[in-house]
Amino acid sequence: MDKNRMMELLNEIVNYVQIGKDVSETIDKLLDMGFTKEELIEYFDFDECDFLL
C-alpha cells in the first residue's frame, strides 16, 4: 500500500471516529493512540484551536 492510500484510509478512520463525538474527546483518543498534535493538524485537518478546548 502506498503512502497516499494509507493516509486516505487513515483519514476516513479519523472522520468515522469523529462522528457524533466531541472534537476534544476525539483528539484525546488519537493522541493516546500515538499521533502527535502536528500530525493531526497536518494530515487530518484539525485546527490549532481544537487543541485549546
C-alpha atoms as a PDB file:
ATOM      1  CA  MET A   1       0.000   0.000   0.000  1.00  0.00           C
ATOM      2  CA  ASP A   2       1.425   3.358  -0.923  1.00  0.00           C
ATOM      3  CA  LYS A   3       1.611   6.287   1.482  1.00  0.00           C
ATOM      4  CA  ASN A   4      -1.183   8.280  -0.201  1.00  0.00           C
ATOM      5  CA  ARG A   5      -3.616   5.372   0.020  1.00  0.00           C
ATOM      6  CA  MET A   6      -2.662   4.729   3.635  1.00  0.00           C
ATOM      7  CA  MET A   7      -3.261   8.380   4.519  1.00  0.00           C
ATOM      8  CA  GLU A   8      -6.592   8.336   2.696  1.00  0.00           C
ATOM      9  CA  LEU A   9      -7.743   5.335   4.711  1.00  0.00           C
ATOM     10  CA  LEU A  10      -6.479   6.758   7.992  1.00  0.00           C
ATOM     11  CA  ASN A  11      -8.299   9.991   7.266  1.00  0.00           C
ATOM     12  CA  GLU A  12     -11.516   8.028   6.742  1.00  0.00           C
ATOM     13  CA  ILE A  13     -10.989   6.301  10.087  1.00  0.00           C
ATOM     14  CA  VAL A  14     -10.483   9.644  11.827  1.00  0.00           C
ATOM     15  CA  ASN A  15     -13.613  11.037  10.165  1.00  0.00           C
ATOM     16  CA  TYR A  16     -15.584   7.990  11.287  1.00  0.00           C
ATOM     17  CA  VAL A  17     -14.344   8.291  14.874  1.00  0.00           C
ATOM     18  CA  GLN A  18     -15.331  11.972  14.922  1.00  0.00           C
ATOM     19  CA  ILE A  19     -18.974  11.337  14.007  1.00  0.00           C
ATOM     20  CA  GLY A  20     -21.117  12.136  16.998  1.00  0.00           C
ATOM     21  CA  LYS A  21     -18.194  12.797  19.306  1.00  0.00           C
ATOM     22  CA  ASP A  22     -16.760  15.882  20.883  1.00  0.00           C
ATOM     23  CA  VAL A  23     -13.687  17.111  18.972  1.00  0.00           C
ATOM     24  CA  SER A  24     -11.592  17.296  22.138  1.00  0.00           C
ATOM     25  CA  GLU A  25     -12.561  13.697  23.001  1.00  0.00           C
ATOM     26  CA  THR A  26     -11.519  12.566  19.533  1.00  0.00           C
ATOM     27  CA  ILE A  27      -8.206  14.426  19.794  1.00  0.00           C
ATOM     28  CA  ASP A  28      -7.512  12.886  23.216  1.00  0.00           C
ATOM     29  CA  LYS A  29      -8.143   9.386  21.861  1.00  0.00           C
ATOM     30  CA  LEU A  30      -5.914   9.962  18.828  1.00  0.00           C
ATOM     31  CA  LEU A  31      -3.127  11.411  20.985  1.00  0.00           C
ATOM     32  CA  ASP A  32      -3.418   8.380  23.282  1.00  0.00           C
ATOM     33  CA  MET A  33      -3.043   6.167  20.202  1.00  0.00           C
ATOM     34  CA  GLY A  34       0.307   7.812  19.461  1.00  0.00           C
ATOM     35  CA  PHE A  35      -0.499  10.514  16.930  1.00  0.00           C
ATOM     36  CA  THR A  36       1.237  13.842  17.507  1.00  0.00           C
ATOM     37  CA  LYS A  37      -0.521  17.194  17.575  1.00  0.00           C
ATOM     38  CA  GLU A  38       1.399  18.196  14.453  1.00  0.00           C
ATOM     39  CA  GLU A  39       0.270  15.070  12.590  1.00  0.00           C
ATOM     40  CA  LEU A  40      -3.349  15.684  13.496  1.00  0.00           C
ATOM     41  CA  ILE A  41      -3.134  19.238  12.205  1.00  0.00           C
ATOM     42  CA  GLU A  42      -1.119  18.482   9.058  1.00  0.00           C
ATOM     43  CA  TYR A  43      -2.675  15.221   7.912  1.00  0.00           C
ATOM     44  CA  PHE A  44      -6.156  15.172   9.421  1.00  0.00           C
ATOM     45  CA  ASP A  45      -7.232  18.797   9.142  1.00  0.00           C
ATOM     46  CA  PHE A  46      -7.625  19.557  12.826  1.00  0.00           C
ATOM     47  CA  ASP A  47      -7.114  23.218  13.724  1.00  0.00           C
ATOM     48  CA  GLU A  48      -4.708  24.614  16.282  1.00  0.00           C
ATOM     49  CA  CYS A  49      -7.703  25.983  18.178  1.00  0.00           C
ATOM     50  CA  ASP A  50      -9.118  22.431  18.513  1.00  0.00           C
ATOM     51  CA  PHE A  51      -6.312  21.737  20.991  1.00  0.00           C
ATOM     52  CA  LEU A  52      -7.270  24.639  23.229  1.00  0.00           C
ATOM     53  CA  LEU A  53     -10.629  23.115  24.159  1.00  0.00           C
END
